[in-house]
Amino acid sequence: MVQRLSHKRHNKFNTKSNKFVIKHIPGGKLHIQHKKKKVSGPRTPRYLGHKRLAGVKALRSVDATAAPKRRKTVNRAYGGVLTGQQVRERIVRAFLIEEQKIVKRVMNKRR
């Protein structure tokens, strides 16, 4: 006959946050083990494409507080918020805008 298992936690309903796995333990017994939710991980803001950030761990909020800073960021400007390509794009855009201002100033002096 099959061994019956019951949930050892307060919630007994089959919800998204209440998933379990049946494990075999020594002595031929079955044991019920709680499964944590999968984490999608940190992403860039929605208006910037909502891309996954490379080099930053996907952690649940409780685990993230305990994790060291090096697991949660990348060592550069906007590290852990924007991708490297997006940072490069911002720098180049700022540089070109400054260059444009200088050109405008020079053209006004010639007149």
N, C-alpha and C. Protein backbone atom coordinates (compact mmCIF):
# COMPACT_ATOMS: atom_id res chain seq x y z
N MET A 1 0.83 -1.18 0.00
CA MET A 1 0.00 0.00 0.00
C MET A 1 0.88 1.26 0.00
N VAL A 2 0.41 2.30 -0.66
CA VAL A 2 1.16 3.53 -0.80
C VAL A 2 1.08 4.36 0.49
N GLN A 3 2.24 4.92 0.85
CA GLN A 3 2.27 5.76 2.04
C GLN A 3 1.58 7.10 1.77
N ARG A 4 0.69 7.50 2.67
CA ARG A 4 0.01 8.78 2.50
C ARG A 4 0.86 9.89 3.09
N LEU A 5 0.84 11.01 2.41
CA LEU A 5 1.61 12.17 2.87
C LEU A 5 0.69 13.36 3.05
N SER A 6 0.94 14.13 4.09
CA SER A 6 0.15 15.35 4.29
C SER A 6 1.11 16.53 4.39
N HIS A 7 0.60 17.71 4.02
CA HIS A 7 1.42 18.92 4.07
C HIS A 7 1.77 19.23 5.52
N LYS A 8 3.01 19.61 5.73
CA LYS A 8 3.47 19.93 7.09
C LYS A 8 3.37 21.44 7.37
N ARG A 9 2.86 22.18 6.40
CA ARG A 9 2.73 23.62 6.57
C ARG A 9 1.27 24.00 6.74
N HIS A 10 1.06 25.26 7.04
CA HIS A 10 -0.31 25.73 7.35
C HIS A 10 -1.25 25.62 6.14
N ASN A 11 -0.74 26.02 4.96
CA ASN A 11 -1.59 26.03 3.76
C ASN A 11 -1.64 24.64 3.15
N LYS A 12 -2.82 24.08 2.98
CA LYS A 12 -2.94 22.73 2.43
C LYS A 12 -3.42 22.72 0.98
N PHE A 13 -3.67 23.89 0.39
CA PHE A 13 -4.21 23.96 -0.96
C PHE A 13 -3.11 24.05 -2.01
N ASN A 14 -3.43 23.56 -3.21
CA ASN A 14 -2.44 23.51 -4.29
C ASN A 14 -2.37 24.86 -5.01
N THR A 15 -1.69 25.79 -4.39
CA THR A 15 -1.54 27.12 -4.98
C THR A 15 -0.17 27.26 -5.63
N LYS A 16 0.03 28.41 -6.29
CA LYS A 16 1.29 28.66 -6.99
C LYS A 16 2.48 28.71 -6.03
N SER A 17 2.24 29.19 -4.82
CA SER A 17 3.32 29.35 -3.85
C SER A 17 3.44 28.16 -2.90
N ASN A 18 2.60 27.13 -3.09
CA ASN A 18 2.57 26.01 -2.15
C ASN A 18 2.83 24.68 -2.88
N LYS A 19 4.01 24.57 -3.49
CA LYS A 19 4.35 23.36 -4.25
C LYS A 19 5.29 22.47 -3.44
N PHE A 20 5.15 21.17 -3.62
CA PHE A 20 5.95 20.21 -2.88
C PHE A 20 6.49 19.12 -3.80
N VAL A 21 7.59 18.48 -3.36
CA VAL A 21 8.19 17.36 -4.07
C VAL A 21 8.24 16.19 -3.09
N ILE A 22 7.98 15.01 -3.60
CA ILE A 22 8.05 13.81 -2.75
C ILE A 22 9.45 13.21 -2.89
N LYS A 23 10.15 13.04 -1.76
CA LYS A 23 11.52 12.52 -1.74
C LYS A 23 11.53 11.19 -0.99
N HIS A 24 12.42 10.31 -1.42
CA HIS A 24 12.62 9.05 -0.71
C HIS A 24 13.70 9.24 0.34
N ILE A 25 13.46 8.79 1.55
CA ILE A 25 14.46 8.90 2.61
C ILE A 25 14.80 7.49 3.09
N PRO A 26 15.94 7.33 3.76
CA PRO A 26 16.33 5.99 4.23
C PRO A 26 15.23 5.33 5.07
N GLY A 27 15.14 4.03 4.92
CA GLY A 27 14.10 3.28 5.62
C GLY A 27 12.90 3.05 4.74
N GLY A 28 13.04 3.39 3.43
CA GLY A 28 11.97 3.16 2.48
C GLY A 28 10.77 4.07 2.68
N LYS A 29 10.98 5.19 3.33
CA LYS A 29 9.87 6.10 3.58
C LYS A 29 9.85 7.23 2.55
N LEU A 30 8.71 7.87 2.47
CA LEU A 30 8.57 9.04 1.61
C LEU A 30 8.50 10.29 2.48
N HIS A 31 9.05 11.36 1.96
CA HIS A 31 9.09 12.61 2.71
C HIS A 31 8.65 13.73 1.78
N ILE A 32 7.90 14.68 2.29
CA ILE A 32 7.42 15.79 1.46
C ILE A 32 8.34 17.00 1.69
N GLN A 33 8.78 17.62 0.59
CA GLN A 33 9.72 18.74 0.67
C GLN A 33 9.15 19.95 -0.07
N HIS A 34 9.18 21.10 0.59
CA HIS A 34 8.64 22.34 0.01
C HIS A 34 9.56 22.86 -1.09
N LYS A 35 8.97 23.30 -2.23
CA LYS A 35 9.74 23.88 -3.33
C LYS A 35 9.62 25.38 -3.30
N LYS A 36 10.76 26.07 -3.48
CA LYS A 36 10.73 27.53 -3.54
C LYS A 36 10.36 27.95 -4.96
N LYS A 37 9.83 29.17 -5.09
CA LYS A 37 9.48 29.70 -6.39
C LYS A 37 10.74 29.98 -7.20
N LYS A 38 10.63 29.83 -8.52
CA LYS A 38 11.74 30.19 -9.39
C LYS A 38 11.81 31.71 -9.50
N VAL A 39 13.03 32.24 -9.59
CA VAL A 39 13.22 33.69 -9.66
C VAL A 39 13.67 34.07 -11.06
N SER A 40 13.06 35.11 -11.62
CA SER A 40 13.43 35.54 -12.97
C SER A 40 14.71 36.37 -12.95
N GLY A 41 15.02 36.99 -11.83
CA GLY A 41 16.24 37.76 -11.70
C GLY A 41 16.08 39.21 -12.09
N PRO A 42 17.10 40.03 -11.77
CA PRO A 42 17.00 41.47 -12.03
C PRO A 42 17.05 41.79 -13.52
N ARG A 43 16.31 42.82 -13.91
CA ARG A 43 16.24 43.24 -15.31
C ARG A 43 16.38 44.75 -15.40
N THR A 44 16.64 45.22 -16.62
CA THR A 44 16.70 46.65 -16.86
C THR A 44 15.28 47.21 -16.80
N PRO A 45 15.11 48.52 -16.66
CA PRO A 45 13.75 49.08 -16.64
C PRO A 45 12.96 48.75 -17.90
N ARG A 46 11.64 48.73 -17.78
CA ARG A 46 10.76 48.36 -18.90
C ARG A 46 10.99 49.23 -20.13
N TYR A 47 11.13 50.55 -19.90
CA TYR A 47 11.27 51.47 -21.04
C TYR A 47 12.62 51.33 -21.74
N LEU A 48 13.55 50.58 -21.14
CA LEU A 48 14.85 50.34 -21.77
C LEU A 48 14.98 48.91 -22.30
N GLY A 49 13.88 48.23 -22.46
CA GLY A 49 13.91 46.91 -23.08
C GLY A 49 13.64 45.74 -22.16
N HIS A 50 13.70 45.96 -20.83
CA HIS A 50 13.43 44.89 -19.85
C HIS A 50 14.31 43.67 -20.08
N LYS A 51 15.63 43.91 -20.32
CA LYS A 51 16.57 42.82 -20.57
C LYS A 51 17.14 42.30 -19.26
N ARG A 52 17.49 41.04 -19.24
CA ARG A 52 18.08 40.40 -18.07
C ARG A 52 19.50 40.92 -17.89
N LEU A 53 19.90 41.20 -16.65
CA LEU A 53 21.23 41.72 -16.37
C LEU A 53 22.22 40.57 -16.18
N ALA A 54 23.28 40.59 -16.97
CA ALA A 54 24.31 39.55 -16.88
C ALA A 54 25.21 39.85 -15.68
N GLY A 55 25.66 38.80 -15.00
CA GLY A 55 26.59 38.95 -13.89
C GLY A 55 25.94 39.25 -12.56
N VAL A 56 24.61 39.30 -12.53
CA VAL A 56 23.89 39.56 -11.28
C VAL A 56 23.05 38.33 -10.97
N LYS A 57 23.20 37.81 -9.76
CA LYS A 57 22.50 36.60 -9.36
C LYS A 57 20.99 36.81 -9.29
N ALA A 58 20.25 35.77 -9.65
CA ALA A 58 18.80 35.77 -9.48
C ALA A 58 18.51 35.24 -8.08
N LEU A 59 18.13 36.14 -7.18
CA LEU A 59 17.91 35.76 -5.79
C LEU A 59 16.52 36.19 -5.33
N ARG A 60 15.94 35.41 -4.41
CA ARG A 60 14.69 35.82 -3.79
C ARG A 60 15.01 36.95 -2.82
N SER A 61 14.04 37.78 -2.52
CA SER A 61 14.29 38.99 -1.73
C SER A 61 14.96 38.70 -0.39
N VAL A 62 14.56 37.63 0.28
CA VAL A 62 15.15 37.28 1.58
C VAL A 62 16.61 36.86 1.40
N ASP A 63 16.87 36.07 0.36
CA ASP A 63 18.24 35.61 0.10
C ASP A 63 19.12 36.78 -0.35
N ALA A 64 18.53 37.73 -1.05
CA ALA A 64 19.29 38.88 -1.57
C ALA A 64 19.82 39.74 -0.43
N THR A 65 19.04 39.87 0.63
CA THR A 65 19.50 40.69 1.76
C THR A 65 20.71 40.05 2.44
N ALA A 66 20.76 38.72 2.45
CA ALA A 66 21.86 38.01 3.09
C ALA A 66 23.07 37.88 2.18
N ALA A 67 22.87 37.98 0.86
CA ALA A 67 23.96 37.81 -0.10
C ALA A 67 24.91 39.01 -0.07
N PRO A 68 26.20 38.78 -0.37
CA PRO A 68 27.14 39.90 -0.41
C PRO A 68 26.88 40.81 -1.60
N LYS A 69 27.41 42.04 -1.51
CA LYS A 69 27.16 43.05 -2.54
C LYS A 69 27.67 42.62 -3.91
N ARG A 70 28.78 41.88 -3.95
CA ARG A 70 29.36 41.47 -5.23
C ARG A 70 28.46 40.53 -6.02
N ARG A 71 27.51 39.88 -5.35
CA ARG A 71 26.57 39.00 -6.04
C ARG A 71 25.41 39.79 -6.67
N LYS A 72 25.21 41.02 -6.19
CA LYS A 72 24.03 41.79 -6.58
C LYS A 72 24.33 42.93 -7.55
N THR A 73 25.60 43.25 -7.77
CA THR A 73 25.95 44.36 -8.65
C THR A 73 27.07 43.96 -9.60
N VAL A 74 27.34 44.86 -10.54
CA VAL A 74 28.49 44.73 -11.44
C VAL A 74 29.35 45.96 -11.21
N ASN A 75 30.66 45.80 -11.22
CA ASN A 75 31.58 46.88 -10.85
C ASN A 75 31.79 47.88 -11.98
N ARG A 76 30.79 48.73 -12.20
CA ARG A 76 30.89 49.84 -13.16
C ARG A 76 29.75 50.81 -12.87
N ALA A 77 29.73 51.94 -13.58
CA ALA A 77 28.65 52.91 -13.40
C ALA A 77 27.33 52.24 -13.80
N TYR A 78 26.30 52.47 -13.04
CA TYR A 78 24.98 51.86 -13.24
C TYR A 78 25.03 50.33 -13.18
N GLY A 79 26.03 49.77 -12.50
CA GLY A 79 26.15 48.31 -12.38
C GLY A 79 24.99 47.72 -11.61
N GLY A 80 24.36 46.70 -12.17
CA GLY A 80 23.20 46.09 -11.52
C GLY A 80 21.90 46.78 -11.85
N VAL A 81 21.96 47.83 -12.71
CA VAL A 81 20.74 48.55 -13.11
C VAL A 81 20.62 48.54 -14.63
N LEU A 82 21.72 48.88 -15.32
CA LEU A 82 21.74 48.91 -16.79
C LEU A 82 22.78 47.92 -17.31
N THR A 83 22.57 47.47 -18.55
CA THR A 83 23.56 46.60 -19.19
C THR A 83 24.74 47.44 -19.65
N GLY A 84 25.85 46.79 -19.94
CA GLY A 84 27.04 47.50 -20.39
C GLY A 84 26.81 48.28 -21.66
N GLN A 85 26.05 47.70 -22.56
CA GLN A 85 25.75 48.34 -23.84
C GLN A 85 24.94 49.63 -23.63
N GLN A 86 24.00 49.60 -22.70
CA GLN A 86 23.19 50.79 -22.43
C GLN A 86 24.02 51.90 -21.80
N VAL A 87 24.97 51.54 -20.94
CA VAL A 87 25.85 52.53 -20.32
C VAL A 87 26.73 53.16 -21.39
N ARG A 88 27.28 52.33 -22.28
CA ARG A 88 28.12 52.83 -23.38
C ARG A 88 27.35 53.80 -24.25
N GLU A 89 26.11 53.45 -24.54
CA GLU A 89 25.25 54.30 -25.38
C GLU A 89 25.01 55.66 -24.72
N ARG A 90 24.80 55.67 -23.41
CA ARG A 90 24.61 56.93 -22.68
C ARG A 90 25.85 57.80 -22.73
N ILE A 91 27.02 57.17 -22.54
CA ILE A 91 28.28 57.92 -22.55
C ILE A 91 28.52 58.54 -23.92
N VAL A 92 28.34 57.76 -24.97
CA VAL A 92 28.54 58.24 -26.34
C VAL A 92 27.56 59.37 -26.65
N ARG A 93 26.31 59.23 -26.24
CA ARG A 93 25.30 60.26 -26.49
C ARG A 93 25.69 61.56 -25.80
N ALA A 94 26.13 61.47 -24.54
CA ALA A 94 26.54 62.66 -23.79
C ALA A 94 27.74 63.33 -24.47
N PHE A 95 28.70 62.52 -24.92
CA PHE A 95 29.89 63.05 -25.59
C PHE A 95 29.51 63.77 -26.88
N LEU A 96 28.65 63.18 -27.68
CA LEU A 96 28.24 63.78 -28.95
C LEU A 96 27.46 65.08 -28.74
N ILE A 97 26.65 65.13 -27.70
CA ILE A 97 25.90 66.36 -27.39
C ILE A 97 26.87 67.48 -27.03
N GLU A 98 27.90 67.15 -26.22
CA GLU A 98 28.91 68.15 -25.85
C GLU A 98 29.68 68.63 -27.07
N GLU A 99 30.03 67.71 -27.95
CA GLU A 99 30.74 68.06 -29.19
C GLU A 99 29.89 69.00 -30.05
N GLN A 100 28.61 68.71 -30.10
CA GLN A 100 27.68 69.53 -30.89
C GLN A 100 27.61 70.95 -30.34
N LYS A 101 27.62 71.09 -29.01
CA LYS A 101 27.61 72.41 -28.39
C LYS A 101 28.87 73.20 -28.76
N ILE A 102 30.02 72.53 -28.74
CA ILE A 102 31.30 73.17 -29.08
C ILE A 102 31.28 73.64 -30.53
N VAL A 103 30.79 72.81 -31.43
CA VAL A 103 30.71 73.15 -32.85
C VAL A 103 29.80 74.37 -33.04
N LYS A 104 28.68 74.39 -32.33
CA LYS A 104 27.73 75.51 -32.41
C LYS A 104 28.39 76.81 -31.96
N ARG A 105 29.16 76.72 -30.85
CA ARG A 105 29.86 77.89 -30.32
C ARG A 105 30.88 78.43 -31.32
N VAL A 106 31.64 77.52 -31.95
CA VAL A 106 32.66 77.90 -32.94
C VAL A 106 32.00 78.55 -34.15
N MET A 107 30.89 77.99 -34.61
CA MET A 107 30.19 78.54 -35.78
C MET A 107 29.63 79.94 -35.48
N ASN A 108 29.16 80.17 -34.25
CA ASN A 108 28.66 81.49 -33.87
C ASN A 108 29.77 82.53 -33.79
N LYS A 109 30.97 82.12 -33.38
CA LYS A 109 32.10 83.03 -33.30
C LYS A 109 32.57 83.46 -34.69
N ARG A 110 32.47 82.59 -35.66
CA ARG A 110 32.90 82.88 -37.05
C ARG A 110 32.05 83.98 -37.67
N ARG A 111 30.79 84.03 -37.29
CA ARG A 111 29.86 85.00 -37.89
C ARG A 111 30.17 86.41 -37.52
